[in-house]
Amino acid sequence: MPGKHVPISFGSTKVKPPLTQPGQRIGIMGGSFNPPHDGHGLISRTALRRLGLDQLWWVVTPGNLLKVNNGLPPASERMELCRRLAGGDSRMRITAFEEDLRTPYTAATVAFLTRRYPGVQFFWIMGADNLASFHRWQLWRDIAMRVPIAVVDRPGWHLKALASPAAQWMRRSFVPEIHAAALGRKRRKPAWTFLTGPLSKSSSTDIRNARPREEAGSEEAEEVIEAAVPRLRVAACR
């Protein structure tokens, strides 16, 4: 049964995700966003448009257990960069409520949201690079059984993602891209789709590695945001 062994910490009333209303379709895109880049923006806009989402939450995590977190900037700094990249789109909500959940696990976050807001249809949004390693996430099957998943293509990851253990496990529940807007309208789970659209070769890892650690910092991230915003405006008009 989904959630049976999920390490959920409901925290206190201090845990305040963005406001929702029953009947809304809300995408959740989690990550360290260190730093955010135009790939995140393209994934967001593709998901908003193709899935007919009311909101898409950028959940800025305290840290990613599959990555080294040394030197991770404070969540407040990463959230500000995400807001700038979102470019004032009111459908994109930047939040760090996971810090108050006191758990780093996506499975716990998804369980918390679906229990607190049973009238909201949530979707887990991720890039194809994340699908390739999804089977390494704690209780990844539980995530798939709780919410529909939309995977957005990333350069160089299309075939690897579709051949991944998680994609093979979910193969019978695949929803063709042409029917993506219907994802989540039936109660059958798991359910997932693979979305294609404008691509960006940007990578947080590559951006961080572009300069020696001692030279990298907020100034570099500012440059990334300034360069990304015009490209996202053009992509949004396609």
C-alpha atoms as a PDB file:
ATOM      1  CA  MET A   1       0.000   0.000   0.000  1.00  0.00           C
ATOM      2  CA  PRO A   2       1.461   3.435  -0.944  1.00  0.00           C
ATOM      3  CA  GLY A   3       2.785   5.380   2.025  1.00  0.00           C
ATOM      4  CA  LYS A   4       2.995   2.370   4.370  1.00  0.00           C
ATOM      5  CA  HIS A   5       6.694   2.886   5.016  1.00  0.00           C
ATOM      6  CA  VAL A   6       7.105   6.495   3.907  1.00  0.00           C
ATOM      7  CA  PRO A   7       9.073   8.493   6.518  1.00  0.00           C
ATOM      8  CA  ILE A   8       6.538  11.325   6.771  1.00  0.00           C
ATOM      9  CA  SER A   9       7.051  14.195   9.158  1.00  0.00           C
ATOM     10  CA  PHE A  10       4.060  16.493   9.037  1.00  0.00           C
ATOM     11  CA  GLY A  11       5.999  19.016  11.079  1.00  0.00           C
ATOM     12  CA  SER A  12       3.861  21.757  12.579  1.00  0.00           C
ATOM     13  CA  THR A  13       1.454  24.364  11.280  1.00  0.00           C
ATOM     14  CA  LYS A  14       4.636  26.105  10.232  1.00  0.00           C
ATOM     15  CA  VAL A  15       4.704  23.884   7.118  1.00  0.00           C
ATOM     16  CA  LYS A  16       3.026  26.162   4.579  1.00  0.00           C
ATOM     17  CA  PRO A  17       3.122  25.201   0.911  1.00  0.00           C
ATOM     18  CA  PRO A  18       1.725  27.718  -1.609  1.00  0.00           C
ATOM     19  CA  LEU A  19      -2.031  28.287  -1.535  1.00  0.00           C
ATOM     20  CA  THR A  20      -4.205  25.827  -3.440  1.00  0.00           C
ATOM     21  CA  GLN A  21      -7.873  25.288  -4.269  1.00  0.00           C
ATOM     22  CA  PRO A  22      -9.767  22.003  -4.725  1.00  0.00           C
ATOM     23  CA  GLY A  23      -9.863  20.928  -8.346  1.00  0.00           C
ATOM     24  CA  GLN A  24      -6.578  22.551  -9.296  1.00  0.00           C
ATOM     25  CA  ARG A  25      -3.873  20.769 -11.295  1.00  0.00           C
ATOM     26  CA  ILE A  26      -0.500  21.509  -9.734  1.00  0.00           C
ATOM     27  CA  GLY A  27       2.923  20.379 -10.879  1.00  0.00           C
ATOM     28  CA  ILE A  28       5.754  19.820  -8.400  1.00  0.00           C
ATOM     29  CA  MET A  29       9.337  20.231  -9.600  1.00  0.00           C
ATOM     30  CA  GLY A  30      11.863  19.607  -6.858  1.00  0.00           C
ATOM     31  CA  GLY A  31      15.581  20.186  -6.874  1.00  0.00           C
ATOM     32  CA  SER A  32      18.519  21.944  -5.319  1.00  0.00           C
ATOM     33  CA  PHE A  33      18.496  24.565  -8.134  1.00  0.00           C
ATOM     34  CA  ASN A  34      22.185  25.240  -7.603  1.00  0.00           C
ATOM     35  CA  PRO A  35      21.945  27.305  -9.689  1.00  0.00           C
ATOM     36  CA  PRO A  36      18.639  27.386 -11.593  1.00  0.00           C
ATOM     37  CA  HIS A  37      19.015  27.712 -15.372  1.00  0.00           C
ATOM     38  CA  ASP A  38      16.961  28.000 -18.548  1.00  0.00           C
ATOM     39  CA  GLY A  39      16.495  24.204 -18.659  1.00  0.00           C
ATOM     40  CA  HIS A  40      14.384  24.483 -15.509  1.00  0.00           C
ATOM     41  CA  GLY A  41      12.394  27.276 -17.100  1.00  0.00           C
ATOM     42  CA  LEU A  42      11.765  25.307 -20.298  1.00  0.00           C
ATOM     43  CA  ILE A  43      10.653  22.235 -18.335  1.00  0.00           C
ATOM     44  CA  SER A  44       8.254  24.424 -16.350  1.00  0.00           C
ATOM     45  CA  ARG A  45       6.708  26.118 -19.354  1.00  0.00           C
ATOM     46  CA  THR A  46       6.403  22.860 -21.271  1.00  0.00           C
ATOM     47  CA  ALA A  47       4.616  21.190 -18.340  1.00  0.00           C
ATOM     48  CA  LEU A  48       2.314  24.165 -17.713  1.00  0.00           C
ATOM     49  CA  ARG A  49       1.225  24.266 -21.333  1.00  0.00           C
ATOM     50  CA  ARG A  50       1.000  20.585 -22.196  1.00  0.00           C
ATOM     51  CA  LEU A  51      -0.602  19.377 -18.952  1.00  0.00           C
ATOM     52  CA  GLY A  52      -2.939  22.331 -18.516  1.00  0.00           C
ATOM     53  CA  LEU A  53      -1.570  23.096 -15.048  1.00  0.00           C
ATOM     54  CA  ASP A  54      -2.933  25.854 -12.836  1.00  0.00           C
ATOM     55  CA  GLN A  55       0.364  26.163 -10.979  1.00  0.00           C
ATOM     56  CA  LEU A  56       3.856  24.724 -11.031  1.00  0.00           C
ATOM     57  CA  TRP A  57       5.810  24.727  -7.768  1.00  0.00           C
ATOM     58  CA  TRP A  58       9.583  24.942  -7.762  1.00  0.00           C
ATOM     59  CA  VAL A  59      10.343  23.147  -4.490  1.00  0.00           C
ATOM     60  CA  VAL A  60      13.826  24.285  -3.486  1.00  0.00           C
ATOM     61  CA  THR A  61      15.175  21.438  -1.379  1.00  0.00           C
ATOM     62  CA  PRO A  62      17.521  21.627   1.619  1.00  0.00           C
ATOM     63  CA  GLY A  63      19.794  19.185  -0.209  1.00  0.00           C
ATOM     64  CA  ASN A  64      19.868  16.251  -2.630  1.00  0.00           C
ATOM     65  CA  LEU A  65      21.016  12.958  -1.049  1.00  0.00           C
ATOM     66  CA  LEU A  66      22.307  11.744  -4.428  1.00  0.00           C
ATOM     67  CA  LYS A  67      24.595  14.769  -4.734  1.00  0.00           C
ATOM     68  CA  VAL A  68      27.408  16.256  -2.684  1.00  0.00           C
ATOM     69  CA  ASN A  69      25.955  19.204  -0.754  1.00  0.00           C
ATOM     70  CA  ASN A  70      29.219  20.850   0.285  1.00  0.00           C
ATOM     71  CA  GLY A  71      29.052  24.537  -0.529  1.00  0.00           C
ATOM     72  CA  LEU A  72      25.309  24.508  -1.202  1.00  0.00           C
ATOM     73  CA  PRO A  73      24.097  28.129  -0.954  1.00  0.00           C
ATOM     74  CA  PRO A  74      21.270  28.941   1.477  1.00  0.00           C
ATOM     75  CA  ALA A  75      17.779  28.143   0.215  1.00  0.00           C
ATOM     76  CA  SER A  76      16.868  31.843   0.355  1.00  0.00           C
ATOM     77  CA  GLU A  77      19.566  32.687  -2.203  1.00  0.00           C
ATOM     78  CA  ARG A  78      18.543  29.889  -4.540  1.00  0.00           C
ATOM     79  CA  MET A  79      14.863  30.863  -4.219  1.00  0.00           C
ATOM     80  CA  GLU A  80      15.627  34.442  -5.262  1.00  0.00           C
ATOM     81  CA  LEU A  81      17.446  33.222  -8.382  1.00  0.00           C
ATOM     82  CA  CYS A  82      14.484  30.949  -9.181  1.00  0.00           C
ATOM     83  CA  ARG A  83      12.067  33.878  -8.860  1.00  0.00           C
ATOM     84  CA  ARG A  84      14.107  35.896 -11.295  1.00  0.00           C
ATOM     85  CA  LEU A  85      14.217  33.017 -13.748  1.00  0.00           C
ATOM     86  CA  ALA A  86      10.438  32.543 -13.480  1.00  0.00           C
ATOM     87  CA  GLY A  87      10.159  36.057 -14.837  1.00  0.00           C
ATOM     88  CA  GLY A  88       7.036  37.115 -12.994  1.00  0.00           C
ATOM     89  CA  ASP A  89       4.877  34.226 -14.246  1.00  0.00           C
ATOM     90  CA  SER A  90       2.269  33.985 -11.476  1.00  0.00           C
ATOM     91  CA  ARG A  91       1.673  30.297 -12.218  1.00  0.00           C
ATOM     92  CA  MET A  92       5.198  29.462 -11.050  1.00  0.00           C
ATOM     93  CA  ARG A  93       5.460  29.400  -7.260  1.00  0.00           C
ATOM     94  CA  ILE A  94       8.865  29.264  -5.592  1.00  0.00           C
ATOM     95  CA  THR A  95       8.807  27.511  -2.213  1.00  0.00           C
ATOM     96  CA  ALA A  96      11.110  25.814   0.302  1.00  0.00           C
ATOM     97  CA  PHE A  97       8.463  24.231   2.548  1.00  0.00           C
ATOM     98  CA  GLU A  98      10.404  20.929   2.588  1.00  0.00           C
ATOM     99  CA  GLU A  99      12.746  22.468   5.161  1.00  0.00           C
ATOM    100  CA  ASP A 100       9.872  22.517   7.656  1.00  0.00           C
ATOM    101  CA  LEU A 101       8.890  18.926   6.824  1.00  0.00           C
ATOM    102  CA  ARG A 102      12.282  17.859   8.174  1.00  0.00           C
ATOM    103  CA  THR A 103      12.737  15.224   5.517  1.00  0.00           C
ATOM    104  CA  PRO A 104      14.859  15.239   2.356  1.00  0.00           C
ATOM    105  CA  TYR A 105      12.805  12.540   0.636  1.00  0.00           C
ATOM    106  CA  THR A 106      10.497  13.259  -2.307  1.00  0.00           C
ATOM    107  CA  ALA A 107       8.313  10.302  -1.304  1.00  0.00           C
ATOM    108  CA  ALA A 108       7.552  12.003   2.008  1.00  0.00           C
ATOM    109  CA  THR A 109       6.867  15.346   0.330  1.00  0.00           C
ATOM    110  CA  VAL A 110       4.422  13.778  -2.123  1.00  0.00           C
ATOM    111  CA  ALA A 111       2.688  11.808   0.639  1.00  0.00           C
ATOM    112  CA  PHE A 112       2.346  14.974   2.723  1.00  0.00           C
ATOM    113  CA  LEU A 113       0.822  17.012  -0.112  1.00  0.00           C
ATOM    114  CA  THR A 114      -1.647  14.366  -1.264  1.00  0.00           C
ATOM    115  CA  ARG A 115      -2.871  13.833   2.312  1.00  0.00           C
ATOM    116  CA  ARG A 116      -3.143  17.504   3.205  1.00  0.00           C
ATOM    117  CA  TYR A 117      -4.828  18.488  -0.093  1.00  0.00           C
ATOM    118  CA  PRO A 118      -6.884  15.470  -1.240  1.00  0.00           C
ATOM    119  CA  GLY A 119      -8.933  17.626  -3.622  1.00  0.00           C
ATOM    120  CA  VAL A 120      -5.906  18.794  -5.604  1.00  0.00           C
ATOM    121  CA  GLN A 121      -4.431  16.815  -8.498  1.00  0.00           C
ATOM    122  CA  PHE A 122      -0.663  16.920  -8.085  1.00  0.00           C
ATOM    123  CA  PHE A 123       1.878  15.891 -10.730  1.00  0.00           C
ATOM    124  CA  TRP A 124       5.555  15.139 -10.276  1.00  0.00           C
ATOM    125  CA  ILE A 125       7.544  16.968 -12.969  1.00  0.00           C
ATOM    126  CA  MET A 126      11.109  15.978 -13.797  1.00  0.00           C
ATOM    127  CA  GLY A 127      13.634  16.052 -16.591  1.00  0.00           C
ATOM    128  CA  ALA A 128      14.583  12.958 -18.570  1.00  0.00           C
ATOM    129  CA  ASP A 129      17.975  12.918 -16.812  1.00  0.00           C
ATOM    130  CA  ASN A 130      16.182  12.361 -13.505  1.00  0.00           C
ATOM    131  CA  LEU A 131      14.043   9.532 -14.885  1.00  0.00           C
ATOM    132  CA  ALA A 132      17.254   7.707 -15.799  1.00  0.00           C
ATOM    133  CA  SER A 133      18.157   7.509 -12.091  1.00  0.00           C
ATOM    134  CA  PHE A 134      14.626   7.521 -10.637  1.00  0.00           C
ATOM    135  CA  HIS A 135      14.968   3.865  -9.564  1.00  0.00           C
ATOM    136  CA  ARG A 136      17.639   4.974  -7.072  1.00  0.00           C
ATOM    137  CA  TRP A 137      15.269   7.315  -5.225  1.00  0.00           C
ATOM    138  CA  GLN A 138      13.878   6.154  -1.916  1.00  0.00           C
ATOM    139  CA  LEU A 139      10.405   4.617  -2.400  1.00  0.00           C
ATOM    140  CA  TRP A 140      10.251   5.725  -6.024  1.00  0.00           C
ATOM    141  CA  ARG A 141       7.422   3.274  -6.738  1.00  0.00           C
ATOM    142  CA  ASP A 142       5.413   4.906  -3.957  1.00  0.00           C
ATOM    143  CA  ILE A 143       5.809   8.285  -5.684  1.00  0.00           C
ATOM    144  CA  ALA A 144       4.577   6.786  -8.952  1.00  0.00           C
ATOM    145  CA  MET A 145       1.570   5.226  -7.242  1.00  0.00           C
ATOM    146  CA  ARG A 146       0.549   8.499  -5.580  1.00  0.00           C
ATOM    147  CA  VAL A 147       0.792  11.056  -8.385  1.00  0.00           C
ATOM    148  CA  PRO A 148       1.008  11.057 -12.190  1.00  0.00           C
ATOM    149  CA  ILE A 149       4.485  11.793 -13.521  1.00  0.00           C
ATOM    150  CA  ALA A 150       5.441  14.020 -16.437  1.00  0.00           C
ATOM    151  CA  VAL A 151       8.958  13.592 -17.766  1.00  0.00           C
ATOM    152  CA  VAL A 152      10.288  16.413 -19.961  1.00  0.00           C
ATOM    153  CA  ASP A 153      13.002  15.656 -22.500  1.00  0.00           C
ATOM    154  CA  ARG A 154      16.577  16.815 -21.920  1.00  0.00           C
ATOM    155  CA  PRO A 155      19.433  16.810 -24.458  1.00  0.00           C
ATOM    156  CA  GLY A 156      21.208  13.467 -24.613  1.00  0.00           C
ATOM    157  CA  TRP A 157      18.838  11.708 -22.206  1.00  0.00           C
ATOM    158  CA  HIS A 158      15.862  10.667 -24.341  1.00  0.00           C
ATOM    159  CA  LEU A 159      16.876   7.061 -25.022  1.00  0.00           C
ATOM    160  CA  LYS A 160      18.583   6.536 -21.650  1.00  0.00           C
ATOM    161  CA  ALA A 161      15.474   7.704 -19.813  1.00  0.00           C
ATOM    162  CA  LEU A 162      13.067   5.505 -21.781  1.00  0.00           C
ATOM    163  CA  ALA A 163      15.338   2.480 -21.285  1.00  0.00           C
ATOM    164  CA  SER A 164      15.724   3.083 -17.537  1.00  0.00           C
ATOM    165  CA  PRO A 165      14.507   0.577 -14.912  1.00  0.00           C
ATOM    166  CA  ALA A 166      11.785   2.981 -13.748  1.00  0.00           C
ATOM    167  CA  ALA A 167      10.474   3.556 -17.286  1.00  0.00           C
ATOM    168  CA  GLN A 168      10.385  -0.194 -17.892  1.00  0.00           C
ATOM    169  CA  TRP A 169       8.490  -0.766 -14.645  1.00  0.00           C
ATOM    170  CA  MET A 170       5.915   1.880 -15.659  1.00  0.00           C
ATOM    171  CA  ARG A 171       5.752   0.939 -19.340  1.00  0.00           C
ATOM    172  CA  ARG A 172       2.180  -0.414 -19.227  1.00  0.00           C
ATOM    173  CA  SER A 173       0.884   2.844 -17.753  1.00  0.00           C
ATOM    174  CA  PHE A 174       2.436   5.173 -20.335  1.00  0.00           C
ATOM    175  CA  VAL A 175       0.173   7.948 -21.668  1.00  0.00           C
ATOM    176  CA  PRO A 176       1.134   9.097 -25.202  1.00  0.00           C
ATOM    177  CA  GLU A 177       2.288  12.691 -25.431  1.00  0.00           C
ATOM    178  CA  ILE A 178      -0.658  13.617 -27.635  1.00  0.00           C
ATOM    179  CA  HIS A 179      -2.975  12.798 -24.699  1.00  0.00           C
ATOM    180  CA  ALA A 180      -0.837  14.517 -22.041  1.00  0.00           C
ATOM    181  CA  ALA A 181      -3.599  16.987 -21.146  1.00  0.00           C
ATOM    182  CA  ALA A 182      -5.701  14.023 -19.977  1.00  0.00           C
ATOM    183  CA  LEU A 183      -3.009  12.804 -17.565  1.00  0.00           C
ATOM    184  CA  GLY A 184      -4.435  12.536 -14.070  1.00  0.00           C
ATOM    185  CA  ARG A 185      -8.074  12.697 -15.154  1.00  0.00           C
ATOM    186  CA  LYS A 186      -8.427   8.970 -14.550  1.00  0.00           C
ATOM    187  CA  ARG A 187      -7.724   7.415 -11.162  1.00  0.00           C
ATOM    188  CA  ARG A 188      -5.515   4.649 -12.517  1.00  0.00           C
ATOM    189  CA  LYS A 189      -1.922   4.809 -11.231  1.00  0.00           C
ATOM    190  CA  PRO A 190       0.851   4.715 -12.038  1.00  0.00           C
ATOM    191  CA  ALA A 191       0.381   7.043 -15.007  1.00  0.00           C
ATOM    192  CA  TRP A 192       3.093   8.943 -16.801  1.00  0.00           C
ATOM    193  CA  THR A 193       3.961  10.709 -20.014  1.00  0.00           C
ATOM    194  CA  PHE A 194       7.075  11.925 -21.826  1.00  0.00           C
ATOM    195  CA  LEU A 195       6.961  15.485 -23.154  1.00  0.00           C
ATOM    196  CA  THR A 196       9.127  16.939 -25.900  1.00  0.00           C
ATOM    197  CA  GLY A 197       9.683  20.603 -26.663  1.00  0.00           C
ATOM    198  CA  PRO A 198      12.406  23.257 -26.790  1.00  0.00           C
ATOM    199  CA  LEU A 199      15.650  21.915 -25.308  1.00  0.00           C
ATOM    200  CA  SER A 200      18.429  23.527 -23.329  1.00  0.00           C
ATOM    201  CA  LYS A 201      21.890  22.092 -22.817  1.00  0.00           C
ATOM    202  CA  SER A 202      22.279  24.009 -19.558  1.00  0.00           C
ATOM    203  CA  SER A 203      23.215  21.956 -16.511  1.00  0.00           C
ATOM    204  CA  SER A 204      23.627  23.097 -12.910  1.00  0.00           C
ATOM    205  CA  THR A 205      26.607  20.763 -12.545  1.00  0.00           C
ATOM    206  CA  ASP A 206      28.308  22.124 -15.671  1.00  0.00           C
ATOM    207  CA  ILE A 207      27.682  25.711 -14.550  1.00  0.00           C
ATOM    208  CA  ARG A 208      29.244  25.031 -11.142  1.00  0.00           C
ATOM    209  CA  ASN A 209      32.199  23.271 -12.738  1.00  0.00           C
ATOM    210  CA  ALA A 210      32.797  26.029 -15.287  1.00  0.00           C
ATOM    211  CA  ARG A 211      34.945  27.917 -12.781  1.00  0.00           C
ATOM    212  CA  PRO A 212      37.173  26.846  -9.876  1.00  0.00           C
ATOM    213  CA  ARG A 213      35.183  26.519  -6.628  1.00  0.00           C
ATOM    214  CA  GLU A 214      36.917  29.492  -5.037  1.00  0.00           C
ATOM    215  CA  GLU A 215      35.922  31.747  -7.953  1.00  0.00           C
ATOM    216  CA  ALA A 216      32.349  30.528  -8.332  1.00  0.00           C
ATOM    217  CA  GLY A 217      29.510  32.156  -6.450  1.00  0.00           C
ATOM    218  CA  SER A 218      26.447  34.314  -6.658  1.00  0.00           C
ATOM    219  CA  GLU A 219      27.985  36.522  -9.356  1.00  0.00           C
ATOM    220  CA  GLU A 220      28.223  33.558 -11.718  1.00  0.00           C
ATOM    221  CA  ALA A 221      24.647  32.556 -10.979  1.00  0.00           C
ATOM    222  CA  GLU A 222      23.511  36.120 -11.721  1.00  0.00           C
ATOM    223  CA  GLU A 223      25.149  35.893 -15.147  1.00  0.00           C
ATOM    224  CA  VAL A 224      23.362  32.609 -15.850  1.00  0.00           C
ATOM    225  CA  ILE A 225      19.973  34.123 -14.992  1.00  0.00           C
ATOM    226  CA  GLU A 226      20.561  37.250 -17.064  1.00  0.00           C
ATOM    227  CA  ALA A 227      21.448  35.131 -20.093  1.00  0.00           C
ATOM    228  CA  ALA A 228      18.552  32.712 -19.638  1.00  0.00           C
ATOM    229  CA  VAL A 229      15.610  35.106 -19.277  1.00  0.00           C
ATOM    230  CA  PRO A 230      15.582  36.382 -22.910  1.00  0.00           C
ATOM    231  CA  ARG A 231      15.750  32.818 -24.275  1.00  0.00           C
ATOM    232  CA  LEU A 232      12.811  31.777 -22.101  1.00  0.00           C
ATOM    233  CA  ARG A 233      10.708  34.692 -23.329  1.00  0.00           C
ATOM    234  CA  VAL A 234      11.272  33.564 -26.913  1.00  0.00           C
ATOM    235  CA  ALA A 235      10.476  29.923 -26.043  1.00  0.00           C
ATOM    236  CA  ALA A 236       7.256  30.927 -24.275  1.00  0.00           C
ATOM    237  CA  CYS A 237       5.959  32.409 -27.532  1.00  0.00           C
ATOM    238  CA  ARG A 238       6.428  29.169 -29.503  1.00  0.00           C
END
